[in-house]
Amino acid sequence: MNPVTYVLTTNGLLFLLSIIFWKFPPKKINKIYGYRTFKAMLNEDIWSFANSTFNKNFLIYAGISFLAALILASISVQELTWQPMILVMLSLLVSVIKTEKSLSDNFTEEGDRKK
């Protein structure tokens, strides 16, 4: 497979999803769409905060992943196999970790805002 096509179908798709999540965030707590962890679903305040934080982080890191994968595809002399997928996984992992850290910094375990 062409390396650019591979990057477009992995990292490009991730970046497109991040734009969709950023433009159309979930309005209410649901079990289908949005950043859904136990803590994020405790109440509407946490839900809104978690989704806005995740969507911002996801957009940034998916964009970085997409650009890095395109650069990698353009300078690579051998066929790309697992490298773009590692960038996808790192983007998701960093976005989740940063969101959970923000939730811990701003909310108690019971769901109240920290002062």
PDB file of N, CA and C in Angstrom:
ATOM      1  N   MET A   1       0.852  -1.173   0.000  1.00  0.00           N
ATOM      2  CA  MET A   1       0.000   0.000   0.000  1.00  0.00           C
ATOM      3  C   MET A   1       0.898   1.237   0.000  1.00  0.00           C
ATOM      4  N   ASN A   2       0.472   2.229  -0.693  1.00  0.00           N
ATOM      5  CA  ASN A   2       1.172   3.503  -0.751  1.00  0.00           C
ATOM      6  C   ASN A   2       1.249   4.092   0.669  1.00  0.00           C
ATOM      7  N   PRO A   3       2.428   4.550   1.123  1.00  0.00           N
ATOM      8  CA  PRO A   3       2.555   5.073   2.487  1.00  0.00           C
ATOM      9  C   PRO A   3       1.637   6.259   2.783  1.00  0.00           C
ATOM     10  N   VAL A   4       1.446   7.133   1.825  1.00  0.00           N
ATOM     11  CA  VAL A   4       0.568   8.291   2.050  1.00  0.00           C
ATOM     12  C   VAL A   4      -0.879   7.835   2.201  1.00  0.00           C
ATOM     13  N   THR A   5      -1.296   6.862   1.416  1.00  0.00           N
ATOM     14  CA  THR A   5      -2.652   6.319   1.536  1.00  0.00           C
ATOM     15  C   THR A   5      -2.844   5.674   2.912  1.00  0.00           C
ATOM     16  N   TYR A   6      -1.836   4.958   3.350  1.00  0.00           N
ATOM     17  CA  TYR A   6      -1.889   4.317   4.668  1.00  0.00           C
ATOM     18  C   TYR A   6      -2.032   5.358   5.773  1.00  0.00           C
ATOM     19  N   VAL A   7      -1.258   6.427   5.686  1.00  0.00           N
ATOM     20  CA  VAL A   7      -1.328   7.498   6.685  1.00  0.00           C
ATOM     21  C   VAL A   7      -2.692   8.187   6.638  1.00  0.00           C
ATOM     22  N   LEU A   8      -3.209   8.419   5.452  1.00  0.00           N
ATOM     23  CA  LEU A   8      -4.515   9.063   5.333  1.00  0.00           C
ATOM     24  C   LEU A   8      -5.639   8.204   5.917  1.00  0.00           C
ATOM     25  N   THR A   9      -5.515   6.880   5.788  1.00  0.00           N
ATOM     26  CA  THR A   9      -6.574   6.008   6.299  1.00  0.00           C
ATOM     27  C   THR A   9      -6.433   5.696   7.787  1.00  0.00           C
ATOM     28  N   THR A  10      -5.297   5.980   8.371  1.00  0.00           N
ATOM     29  CA  THR A  10      -5.142   5.759   9.818  1.00  0.00           C
ATOM     30  C   THR A  10      -5.123   7.093  10.550  1.00  0.00           C
ATOM     31  N   ASN A  11      -4.046   7.826  10.414  1.00  0.00           N
ATOM     32  CA  ASN A  11      -3.896   9.087  11.131  1.00  0.00           C
ATOM     33  C   ASN A  11      -4.847  10.162  10.599  1.00  0.00           C
ATOM     34  N   GLY A  12      -5.102  10.133   9.294  1.00  0.00           N
ATOM     35  CA  GLY A  12      -6.044  11.092   8.712  1.00  0.00           C
ATOM     36  C   GLY A  12      -7.453  10.876   9.232  1.00  0.00           C
ATOM     37  N   LEU A  13      -7.854   9.613   9.343  1.00  0.00           N
ATOM     38  CA  LEU A  13      -9.173   9.297   9.887  1.00  0.00           C
ATOM     39  C   LEU A  13      -9.281   9.718  11.350  1.00  0.00           C
ATOM     40  N   LEU A  14      -8.221   9.494  12.109  1.00  0.00           N
ATOM     41  CA  LEU A  14      -8.210   9.920  13.505  1.00  0.00           C
ATOM     42  C   LEU A  14      -8.360  11.439  13.608  1.00  0.00           C
ATOM     43  N   PHE A  15      -7.647  12.167  12.765  1.00  0.00           N
ATOM     44  CA  PHE A  15      -7.742  13.627  12.777  1.00  0.00           C
ATOM     45  C   PHE A  15      -9.143  14.083  12.374  1.00  0.00           C
ATOM     46  N   LEU A  16      -9.743  13.434  11.395  1.00  0.00           N
ATOM     47  CA  LEU A  16     -11.115  13.758  10.997  1.00  0.00           C
ATOM     48  C   LEU A  16     -12.090  13.520  12.154  1.00  0.00           C
ATOM     49  N   LEU A  17     -11.932  12.400  12.854  1.00  0.00           N
ATOM     50  CA  LEU A  17     -12.791  12.131  14.017  1.00  0.00           C
ATOM     51  C   LEU A  17     -12.602  13.171  15.102  1.00  0.00           C
ATOM     52  N   SER A  18     -11.379  13.627  15.300  1.00  0.00           N
ATOM     53  CA  SER A  18     -11.136  14.647  16.326  1.00  0.00           C
ATOM     54  C   SER A  18     -11.827  15.963  15.952  1.00  0.00           C
ATOM     55  N   ILE A  19     -11.848  16.297  14.676  1.00  0.00           N
ATOM     56  CA  ILE A  19     -12.556  17.507  14.236  1.00  0.00           C
ATOM     57  C   ILE A  19     -14.054  17.350  14.460  1.00  0.00           C
ATOM     58  N   ILE A  20     -14.595  16.182  14.150  1.00  0.00           N
ATOM     59  CA  ILE A  20     -16.032  15.932  14.352  1.00  0.00           C
ATOM     60  C   ILE A  20     -16.380  16.042  15.838  1.00  0.00           C
ATOM     61  N   PHE A  21     -15.579  15.418  16.715  1.00  0.00           N
ATOM     62  CA  PHE A  21     -15.832  15.507  18.151  1.00  0.00           C
ATOM     63  C   PHE A  21     -15.730  16.949  18.647  1.00  0.00           C
ATOM     64  N   TRP A  22     -14.798  17.704  18.107  1.00  0.00           N
ATOM     65  CA  TRP A  22     -14.599  19.095  18.526  1.00  0.00           C
ATOM     66  C   TRP A  22     -15.754  19.972  18.054  1.00  0.00           C
ATOM     67  N   LYS A  23     -16.219  19.778  16.815  1.00  0.00           N
ATOM     68  CA  LYS A  23     -17.304  20.590  16.264  1.00  0.00           C
ATOM     69  C   LYS A  23     -18.675  20.203  16.808  1.00  0.00           C
ATOM     70  N   PHE A  24     -18.850  18.921  17.112  1.00  0.00           N
ATOM     71  CA  PHE A  24     -20.154  18.423  17.554  1.00  0.00           C
ATOM     72  C   PHE A  24     -20.009  17.664  18.873  1.00  0.00           C
ATOM     73  N   PRO A  25     -19.709  18.373  19.962  1.00  0.00           N
ATOM     74  CA  PRO A  25     -19.570  17.679  21.251  1.00  0.00           C
ATOM     75  C   PRO A  25     -20.934  17.182  21.739  1.00  0.00           C
ATOM     76  N   PRO A  26     -20.944  16.141  22.558  1.00  0.00           N
ATOM     77  CA  PRO A  26     -22.222  15.645  23.079  1.00  0.00           C
ATOM     78  C   PRO A  26     -22.837  16.670  24.023  1.00  0.00           C
ATOM     79  N   LYS A  27     -24.128  16.809  23.947  1.00  0.00           N
ATOM     80  CA  LYS A  27     -24.826  17.806  24.761  1.00  0.00           C
ATOM     81  C   LYS A  27     -25.203  17.261  26.141  1.00  0.00           C
ATOM     82  N   LYS A  28     -25.605  15.990  26.181  1.00  0.00           N
ATOM     83  CA  LYS A  28     -26.038  15.378  27.440  1.00  0.00           C
ATOM     84  C   LYS A  28     -25.264  14.088  27.668  1.00  0.00           C
ATOM     85  N   ILE A  29     -25.252  13.649  28.914  1.00  0.00           N
ATOM     86  CA  ILE A  29     -24.609  12.380  29.249  1.00  0.00           C
ATOM     87  C   ILE A  29     -25.327  11.255  28.513  1.00  0.00           C
ATOM     88  N   ASN A  30     -24.556  10.430  27.820  1.00  0.00           N
ATOM     89  CA  ASN A  30     -25.123   9.296  27.095  1.00  0.00           C
ATOM     90  C   ASN A  30     -24.105   8.172  27.065  1.00  0.00           C
ATOM     91  N   LYS A  31     -24.525   7.012  26.627  1.00  0.00           N
ATOM     92  CA  LYS A  31     -23.640   5.845  26.591  1.00  0.00           C
ATOM     93  C   LYS A  31     -23.142   5.532  25.182  1.00  0.00           C
ATOM     94  N   ILE A  32     -23.347   6.462  24.239  1.00  0.00           N
ATOM     95  CA  ILE A  32     -22.985   6.193  22.859  1.00  0.00           C
ATOM     96  C   ILE A  32     -21.871   7.108  22.362  1.00  0.00           C
ATOM     97  N   TYR A  33     -21.936   8.389  22.670  1.00  0.00           N
ATOM     98  CA  TYR A  33     -21.074   9.372  22.034  1.00  0.00           C
ATOM     99  C   TYR A  33     -20.458  10.296  23.077  1.00  0.00           C
ATOM    100  N   GLY A  34     -19.156  10.461  23.035  1.00  0.00           N
ATOM    101  CA  GLY A  34     -18.475  11.377  23.931  1.00  0.00           C
ATOM    102  C   GLY A  34     -17.409  10.676  24.752  1.00  0.00           C
ATOM    103  N   TYR A  35     -16.776  11.434  25.623  1.00  0.00           N
ATOM    104  CA  TYR A  35     -15.749  10.900  26.508  1.00  0.00           C
ATOM    105  C   TYR A  35     -16.455  10.243  27.687  1.00  0.00           C
ATOM    106  N   ARG A  36     -16.486   8.913  27.709  1.00  0.00           N
ATOM    107  CA  ARG A  36     -17.303   8.184  28.676  1.00  0.00           C
ATOM    108  C   ARG A  36     -16.447   7.354  29.622  1.00  0.00           C
ATOM    109  N   THR A  37     -16.116   7.932  30.753  1.00  0.00           N
ATOM    110  CA  THR A  37     -15.519   7.161  31.836  1.00  0.00           C
ATOM    111  C   THR A  37     -16.460   7.302  33.026  1.00  0.00           C
ATOM    112  N   PHE A  38     -16.244   6.484  34.045  1.00  0.00           N
ATOM    113  CA  PHE A  38     -17.118   6.540  35.209  1.00  0.00           C
ATOM    114  C   PHE A  38     -17.134   7.945  35.807  1.00  0.00           C
ATOM    115  N   LYS A  39     -15.952   8.509  35.988  1.00  0.00           N
ATOM    116  CA  LYS A  39     -15.877   9.844  36.593  1.00  0.00           C
ATOM    117  C   LYS A  39     -16.499  10.906  35.695  1.00  0.00           C
ATOM    118  N   ALA A  40     -16.314  10.804  34.390  1.00  0.00           N
ATOM    119  CA  ALA A  40     -16.856  11.799  33.462  1.00  0.00           C
ATOM    120  C   ALA A  40     -18.377  11.781  33.427  1.00  0.00           C
ATOM    121  N   MET A  41     -18.979  10.665  33.804  1.00  0.00           N
ATOM    122  CA  MET A  41     -20.429  10.545  33.728  1.00  0.00           C
ATOM    123  C   MET A  41     -21.122  10.771  35.077  1.00  0.00           C
ATOM    124  N   LEU A  42     -20.384  11.274  36.078  1.00  0.00           N
ATOM    125  CA  LEU A  42     -20.992  11.496  37.392  1.00  0.00           C
ATOM    126  C   LEU A  42     -22.066  12.576  37.376  1.00  0.00           C
ATOM    127  N   ASN A  43     -21.810  13.682  36.690  1.00  0.00           N
ATOM    128  CA  ASN A  43     -22.815  14.738  36.583  1.00  0.00           C
ATOM    129  C   ASN A  43     -22.564  15.574  35.329  1.00  0.00           C
ATOM    130  N   GLU A  44     -23.489  16.476  35.019  1.00  0.00           N
ATOM    131  CA  GLU A  44     -23.403  17.270  33.792  1.00  0.00           C
ATOM    132  C   GLU A  44     -22.193  18.195  33.772  1.00  0.00           C
ATOM    133  N   ASP A  45     -21.817  18.749  34.924  1.00  0.00           N
ATOM    134  CA  ASP A  45     -20.670  19.655  34.998  1.00  0.00           C
ATOM    135  C   ASP A  45     -19.390  18.920  34.612  1.00  0.00           C
ATOM    136  N   ILE A  46     -19.180  17.746  35.201  1.00  0.00           N
ATOM    137  CA  ILE A  46     -17.992  16.956  34.873  1.00  0.00           C
ATOM    138  C   ILE A  46     -18.050  16.501  33.422  1.00  0.00           C
ATOM    139  N   TRP A  47     -19.235  16.101  32.968  1.00  0.00           N
ATOM    140  CA  TRP A  47     -19.404  15.638  31.587  1.00  0.00           C
ATOM    141  C   TRP A  47     -18.981  16.717  30.589  1.00  0.00           C
ATOM    142  N   SER A  48     -19.449  17.934  30.790  1.00  0.00           N
ATOM    143  CA  SER A  48     -19.097  19.032  29.885  1.00  0.00           C
ATOM    144  C   SER A  48     -17.606  19.336  29.940  1.00  0.00           C
ATOM    145  N   PHE A  49     -17.063  19.390  31.158  1.00  0.00           N
ATOM    146  CA  PHE A  49     -15.641  19.665  31.332  1.00  0.00           C
ATOM    147  C   PHE A  49     -14.790  18.578  30.690  1.00  0.00           C
ATOM    148  N   ALA A  50     -15.120  17.326  30.954  1.00  0.00           N
ATOM    149  CA  ALA A  50     -14.341  16.205  30.427  1.00  0.00           C
ATOM    150  C   ALA A  50     -14.372  16.173  28.905  1.00  0.00           C
ATOM    151  N   ASN A  51     -15.546  16.387  28.325  1.00  0.00           N
ATOM    152  CA  ASN A  51     -15.648  16.343  26.870  1.00  0.00           C
ATOM    153  C   ASN A  51     -14.943  17.519  26.213  1.00  0.00           C
ATOM    154  N   SER A  52     -15.032  18.707  26.786  1.00  0.00           N
ATOM    155  CA  SER A  52     -14.330  19.836  26.183  1.00  0.00           C
ATOM    156  C   SER A  52     -12.819  19.662  26.315  1.00  0.00           C
ATOM    157  N   THR A  53     -12.351  19.169  27.459  1.00  0.00           N
ATOM    158  CA  THR A  53     -10.923  18.943  27.655  1.00  0.00           C
ATOM    159  C   THR A  53     -10.413  17.850  26.717  1.00  0.00           C
ATOM    160  N   PHE A  54     -11.127  16.735  26.662  1.00  0.00           N
ATOM    161  CA  PHE A  54     -10.704  15.636  25.786  1.00  0.00           C
ATOM    162  C   PHE A  54     -10.712  16.065  24.329  1.00  0.00           C
ATOM    163  N   ASN A  55     -11.768  16.741  23.901  1.00  0.00           N
ATOM    164  CA  ASN A  55     -11.868  17.138  22.498  1.00  0.00           C
ATOM    165  C   ASN A  55     -10.729  18.075  22.101  1.00  0.00           C
ATOM    166  N   LYS A  56     -10.358  19.000  22.993  1.00  0.00           N
ATOM    167  CA  LYS A  56      -9.251  19.915  22.712  1.00  0.00           C
ATOM    168  C   LYS A  56      -7.939  19.131  22.614  1.00  0.00           C
ATOM    169  N   ASN A  57      -7.680  18.269  23.594  1.00  0.00           N
ATOM    170  CA  ASN A  57      -6.455  17.463  23.577  1.00  0.00           C
ATOM    171  C   ASN A  57      -6.415  16.531  22.372  1.00  0.00           C
ATOM    172  N   PHE A  58      -7.531  15.899  22.082  1.00  0.00           N
ATOM    173  CA  PHE A  58      -7.628  14.958  20.979  1.00  0.00           C
ATOM    174  C   PHE A  58      -7.341  15.657  19.654  1.00  0.00           C
ATOM    175  N   LEU A  59      -7.882  16.849  19.456  1.00  0.00           N
ATOM    176  CA  LEU A  59      -7.645  17.599  18.234  1.00  0.00           C
ATOM    177  C   LEU A  59      -6.164  17.941  18.081  1.00  0.00           C
ATOM    178  N   ILE A  60      -5.549  18.395  19.154  1.00  0.00           N
ATOM    179  CA  ILE A  60      -4.130  18.766  19.115  1.00  0.00           C
ATOM    180  C   ILE A  60      -3.257  17.549  18.814  1.00  0.00           C
ATOM    181  N   TYR A  61      -3.424  16.486  19.575  1.00  0.00           N
ATOM    182  CA  TYR A  61      -2.542  15.329  19.427  1.00  0.00           C
ATOM    183  C   TYR A  61      -2.831  14.514  18.172  1.00  0.00           C
ATOM    184  N   ALA A  62      -4.067  14.498  17.712  1.00  0.00           N
ATOM    185  CA  ALA A  62      -4.362  13.831  16.439  1.00  0.00           C
ATOM    186  C   ALA A  62      -3.755  14.619  15.287  1.00  0.00           C
ATOM    187  N   GLY A  63      -3.759  15.942  15.381  1.00  0.00           N
ATOM    188  CA  GLY A  63      -3.123  16.770  14.360  1.00  0.00           C
ATOM    189  C   GLY A  63      -1.621  16.560  14.324  1.00  0.00           C
ATOM    190  N   ILE A  64      -1.008  16.523  15.498  1.00  0.00           N
ATOM    191  CA  ILE A  64       0.434  16.258  15.565  1.00  0.00           C
ATOM    192  C   ILE A  64       0.746  14.878  14.999  1.00  0.00           C
ATOM    193  N   SER A  65      -0.054  13.901  15.357  1.00  0.00           N
ATOM    194  CA  SER A  65       0.132  12.540  14.856  1.00  0.00           C
ATOM    195  C   SER A  65       0.015  12.489  13.334  1.00  0.00           C
ATOM    196  N   PHE A  66      -0.971  13.176  12.800  1.00  0.00           N
ATOM    197  CA  PHE A  66      -1.189  13.196  11.355  1.00  0.00           C
ATOM    198  C   PHE A  66      -0.003  13.830  10.631  1.00  0.00           C
ATOM    199  N   LEU A  67       0.454  14.982  11.134  1.00  0.00           N
ATOM    200  CA  LEU A  67       1.602  15.649  10.508  1.00  0.00           C
ATOM    201  C   LEU A  67       2.872  14.803  10.620  1.00  0.00           C
ATOM    202  N   ALA A  68       3.097  14.216  11.789  1.00  0.00           N
ATOM    203  CA  ALA A  68       4.280  13.376  11.975  1.00  0.00           C
ATOM    204  C   ALA A  68       4.244  12.161  11.049  1.00  0.00           C
ATOM    205  N   ALA A  69       3.080  11.562  10.893  1.00  0.00           N
ATOM    206  CA  ALA A  69       2.961  10.392  10.019  1.00  0.00           C
ATOM    207  C   ALA A  69       3.155  10.778   8.552  1.00  0.00           C
ATOM    208  N   LEU A  70       2.654  11.945   8.155  1.00  0.00           N
ATOM    209  CA  LEU A  70       2.873  12.395   6.778  1.00  0.00           C
ATOM    210  C   LEU A  70       4.357  12.649   6.516  1.00  0.00           C
ATOM    211  N   ILE A  71       5.036  13.255   7.478  1.00  0.00           N
ATOM    212  CA  ILE A  71       6.477  13.476   7.340  1.00  0.00           C
ATOM    213  C   ILE A  71       7.210  12.145   7.270  1.00  0.00           C
ATOM    214  N   LEU A  72       6.815  11.226   8.149  1.00  0.00           N
ATOM    215  CA  LEU A  72       7.428   9.897   8.149  1.00  0.00           C
ATOM    216  C   LEU A  72       7.214   9.187   6.811  1.00  0.00           C
ATOM    217  N   ALA A  73       6.017   9.312   6.253  1.00  0.00           N
ATOM    218  CA  ALA A  73       5.718   8.667   4.970  1.00  0.00           C
ATOM    219  C   ALA A  73       6.520   9.289   3.836  1.00  0.00           C
ATOM    220  N   SER A  74       6.780  10.589   3.932  1.00  0.00           N
ATOM    221  CA  SER A  74       7.503  11.240   2.837  1.00  0.00           C
ATOM    222  C   SER A  74       9.007  10.985   2.891  1.00  0.00           C
ATOM    223  N   ILE A  75       9.562  10.747   4.072  1.00  0.00           N
ATOM    224  CA  ILE A  75      11.005  10.529   4.168  1.00  0.00           C
ATOM    225  C   ILE A  75      11.387   9.057   4.299  1.00  0.00           C
ATOM    226  N   SER A  76      10.418   8.197   4.481  1.00  0.00           N
ATOM    227  CA  SER A  76      10.691   6.772   4.681  1.00  0.00           C
ATOM    228  C   SER A  76      11.144   6.111   3.385  1.00  0.00           C
ATOM    229  N   VAL A  77      12.208   5.335   3.495  1.00  0.00           N
ATOM    230  CA  VAL A  77      12.695   4.602   2.323  1.00  0.00           C
ATOM    231  C   VAL A  77      12.111   3.194   2.267  1.00  0.00           C
ATOM    232  N   GLN A  78      11.620   2.711   3.387  1.00  0.00           N
ATOM    233  CA  GLN A  78      10.989   1.397   3.407  1.00  0.00           C
ATOM    234  C   GLN A  78       9.496   1.562   3.659  1.00  0.00           C
ATOM    235  N   GLU A  79       8.763   0.491   3.447  1.00  0.00           N
ATOM    236  CA  GLU A  79       7.323   0.537   3.614  1.00  0.00           C
ATOM    237  C   GLU A  79       6.950   0.730   5.071  1.00  0.00           C
ATOM    238  N   LEU A  80       5.947   1.584   5.309  1.00  0.00           N
ATOM    239  CA  LEU A  80       5.455   1.796   6.674  1.00  0.00           C
ATOM    240  C   LEU A  80       4.567   0.628   7.067  1.00  0.00           C
ATOM    241  N   THR A  81       4.738   0.148   8.280  1.00  0.00           N
ATOM    242  CA  THR A  81       3.897  -0.946   8.753  1.00  0.00           C
ATOM    243  C   THR A  81       3.191  -0.530  10.037  1.00  0.00           C
ATOM    244  N   TRP A  82       3.883  -0.509  11.131  1.00  0.00           N
ATOM    245  CA  TRP A  82       3.269  -0.263  12.436  1.00  0.00           C
ATOM    246  C   TRP A  82       3.454   1.171  12.928  1.00  0.00           C
ATOM    247  N   GLN A  83       4.327   1.937  12.306  1.00  0.00           N
ATOM    248  CA  GLN A  83       4.669   3.263  12.810  1.00  0.00           C
ATOM    249  C   GLN A  83       3.479   4.229  12.887  1.00  0.00           C
ATOM    250  N   PRO A  84       2.646   4.366  11.837  1.00  0.00           N
ATOM    251  CA  PRO A  84       1.497   5.258  11.950  1.00  0.00           C
ATOM    252  C   PRO A  84       0.490   4.819  13.023  1.00  0.00           C
ATOM    253  N   MET A  85       0.356   3.499  13.206  1.00  0.00           N
ATOM    254  CA  MET A  85      -0.583   3.016  14.225  1.00  0.00           C
ATOM    255  C   MET A  85      -0.082   3.327  15.633  1.00  0.00           C
ATOM    256  N   ILE A  86       1.224   3.312  15.830  1.00  0.00           N
ATOM    257  CA  ILE A  86       1.779   3.702  17.133  1.00  0.00           C
ATOM    258  C   ILE A  86       1.450   5.160  17.412  1.00  0.00           C
ATOM    259  N   LEU A  87       1.545   6.013  16.390  1.00  0.00           N
ATOM    260  CA  LEU A  87       1.197   7.420  16.560  1.00  0.00           C
ATOM    261  C   LEU A  87      -0.285   7.588  16.901  1.00  0.00           C
ATOM    262  N   VAL A  88      -1.138   6.770  16.293  1.00  0.00           N
ATOM    263  CA  VAL A  88      -2.579   6.803  16.615  1.00  0.00           C
ATOM    264  C   VAL A  88      -2.800   6.431  18.077  1.00  0.00           C
ATOM    265  N   MET A  89      -2.177   5.341  18.504  1.00  0.00           N
ATOM    266  CA  MET A  89      -2.347   4.886  19.886  1.00  0.00           C
ATOM    267  C   MET A  89      -1.799   5.912  20.881  1.00  0.00           C
ATOM    268  N   LEU A  90      -0.662   6.503  20.580  1.00  0.00           N
ATOM    269  CA  LEU A  90      -0.094   7.523  21.464  1.00  0.00           C
ATOM    270  C   LEU A  90      -0.998   8.752  21.551  1.00  0.00           C
ATOM    271  N   SER A  91      -1.594   9.148  20.440  1.00  0.00           N
ATOM    272  CA  SER A  91      -2.513  10.288  20.440  1.00  0.00           C
ATOM    273  C   SER A  91      -3.688  10.043  21.373  1.00  0.00           C
ATOM    274  N   LEU A  92      -4.270   8.866  21.246  1.00  0.00           N
ATOM    275  CA  LEU A  92      -5.412   8.524  22.110  1.00  0.00           C
ATOM    276  C   LEU A  92      -4.990   8.411  23.572  1.00  0.00           C
ATOM    277  N   LEU A  93      -3.872   7.756  23.816  1.00  0.00           N
ATOM    278  CA  LEU A  93      -3.397   7.561  25.180  1.00  0.00           C
ATOM    279  C   LEU A  93      -3.081   8.888  25.866  1.00  0.00           C
ATOM    280  N   VAL A  94      -2.368   9.760  25.186  1.00  0.00           N
ATOM    281  CA  VAL A  94      -2.021  11.057  25.776  1.00  0.00           C
ATOM    282  C   VAL A  94      -3.282  11.885  26.028  1.00  0.00           C
ATOM    283  N   SER A  95      -4.234  11.852  25.114  1.00  0.00           N
ATOM    284  CA  SER A  95      -5.478  12.607  25.289  1.00  0.00           C
ATOM    285  C   SER A  95      -6.257  12.120  26.504  1.00  0.00           C
ATOM    286  N   VAL A  96      -6.349  10.812  26.687  1.00  0.00           N
ATOM    287  CA  VAL A  96      -7.071  10.247  27.836  1.00  0.00           C
ATOM    288  C   VAL A  96      -6.338  10.566  29.137  1.00  0.00           C
ATOM    289  N   ILE A  97      -5.025  10.408  29.157  1.00  0.00           N
ATOM    290  CA  ILE A  97      -4.257  10.673  30.379  1.00  0.00           C
ATOM    291  C   ILE A  97      -4.368  12.137  30.781  1.00  0.00           C
ATOM    292  N   LYS A  98      -4.234  13.046  29.823  1.00  0.00           N
ATOM    293  CA  LYS A  98      -4.333  14.473  30.144  1.00  0.00           C
ATOM    294  C   LYS A  98      -5.738  14.841  30.621  1.00  0.00           C
ATOM    295  N   THR A  99      -6.759  14.226  30.044  1.00  0.00           N
ATOM    296  CA  THR A  99      -8.137  14.498  30.467  1.00  0.00           C
ATOM    297  C   THR A  99      -8.375  13.988  31.881  1.00  0.00           C
ATOM    298  N   GLU A 100      -7.924  12.781  32.177  1.00  0.00           N
ATOM    299  CA  GLU A 100      -8.098  12.231  33.519  1.00  0.00           C
ATOM    300  C   GLU A 100      -7.329  13.052  34.558  1.00  0.00           C
ATOM    301  N   LYS A 101      -6.163  13.541  34.194  1.00  0.00           N
ATOM    302  CA  LYS A 101      -5.395  14.402  35.102  1.00  0.00           C
ATOM    303  C   LYS A 101      -6.151  15.696  35.365  1.00  0.00           C
ATOM    304  N   SER A 102      -6.728  16.279  34.334  1.00  0.00           N
ATOM    305  CA  SER A 102      -7.519  17.501  34.500  1.00  0.00           C
ATOM    306  C   SER A 102      -8.743  17.255  35.366  1.00  0.00           C
ATOM    307  N   LEU A 103      -9.382  16.109  35.183  1.00  0.00           N
ATOM    308  CA  LEU A 103     -10.544  15.783  36.021  1.00  0.00           C
ATOM    309  C   LEU A 103     -10.128  15.647  37.481  1.00  0.00           C
ATOM    310  N   SER A 104      -9.013  14.983  37.735  1.00  0.00           N
ATOM    311  CA  SER A 104      -8.535  14.823  39.113  1.00  0.00           C
ATOM    312  C   SER A 104      -8.130  16.155  39.727  1.00  0.00           C
ATOM    313  N   ASP A 105      -7.577  17.049  38.913  1.00  0.00           N
ATOM    314  CA  ASP A 105      -7.155  18.355  39.418  1.00  0.00           C
ATOM    315  C   ASP A 105      -8.326  19.277  39.709  1.00  0.00           C
ATOM    316  N   ASN A 106      -9.458  19.100  39.026  1.00  0.00           N
ATOM    317  CA  ASN A 106     -10.572  20.034  39.131  1.00  0.00           C
ATOM    318  C   ASN A 106     -11.803  19.511  39.862  1.00  0.00           C
ATOM    319  N   PHE A 107     -11.887  18.189  40.072  1.00  0.00           N
ATOM    320  CA  PHE A 107     -13.079  17.611  40.696  1.00  0.00           C
ATOM    321  C   PHE A 107     -12.689  16.608  41.774  1.00  0.00           C
ATOM    322  N   THR A 108     -13.546  16.502  42.789  1.00  0.00           N
ATOM    323  CA  THR A 108     -13.345  15.495  43.831  1.00  0.00           C
ATOM    324  C   THR A 108     -13.866  14.161  43.319  1.00  0.00           C
ATOM    325  N   GLU A 109     -13.613  13.105  44.079  1.00  0.00           N
ATOM    326  CA  GLU A 109     -14.104  11.777  43.703  1.00  0.00           C
ATOM    327  C   GLU A 109     -15.630  11.695  43.733  1.00  0.00           C
ATOM    328  N   GLU A 110     -16.258  12.579  44.519  1.00  0.00           N
ATOM    329  CA  GLU A 110     -17.736  12.593  44.591  1.00  0.00           C
ATOM    330  C   GLU A 110     -18.362  13.400  43.455  1.00  0.00           C
ATOM    331  N   GLY A 111     -17.545  14.137  42.707  1.00  0.00           N
ATOM    332  CA  GLY A 111     -18.072  14.893  41.583  1.00  0.00           C
ATOM    333  C   GLY A 111     -18.233  16.374  41.836  1.00  0.00           C
ATOM    334  N   ASP A 112     -17.746  16.873  42.965  1.00  0.00           N
ATOM    335  CA  ASP A 112     -17.836  18.304  43.257  1.00  0.00           C
ATOM    336  C   ASP A 112     -16.580  18.996  42.746  1.00  0.00           C
ATOM    337  N   ARG A 113     -16.737  20.264  42.353  1.00  0.00           N
ATOM    338  CA  ARG A 113     -15.571  21.052  41.924  1.00  0.00           C
ATOM    339  C   ARG A 113     -14.688  21.348  43.107  1.00  0.00           C
ATOM    340  N   LYS A 114     -13.379  21.252  42.884  1.00  0.00           N
ATOM    341  CA  LYS A 114     -12.444  21.632  43.944  1.00  0.00           C
ATOM    342  C   LYS A 114     -12.376  23.142  43.999  1.00  0.00           C
ATOM    343  N   LYS A 115     -12.160  23.651  45.164  1.00  0.00           N
ATOM    344  CA  LYS A 115     -12.128  25.120  45.343  1.00  0.00           C
ATOM    345  C   LYS A 115     -10.783  25.679  45.039  1.00  0.00           C
TER     346      LYS A 115
END
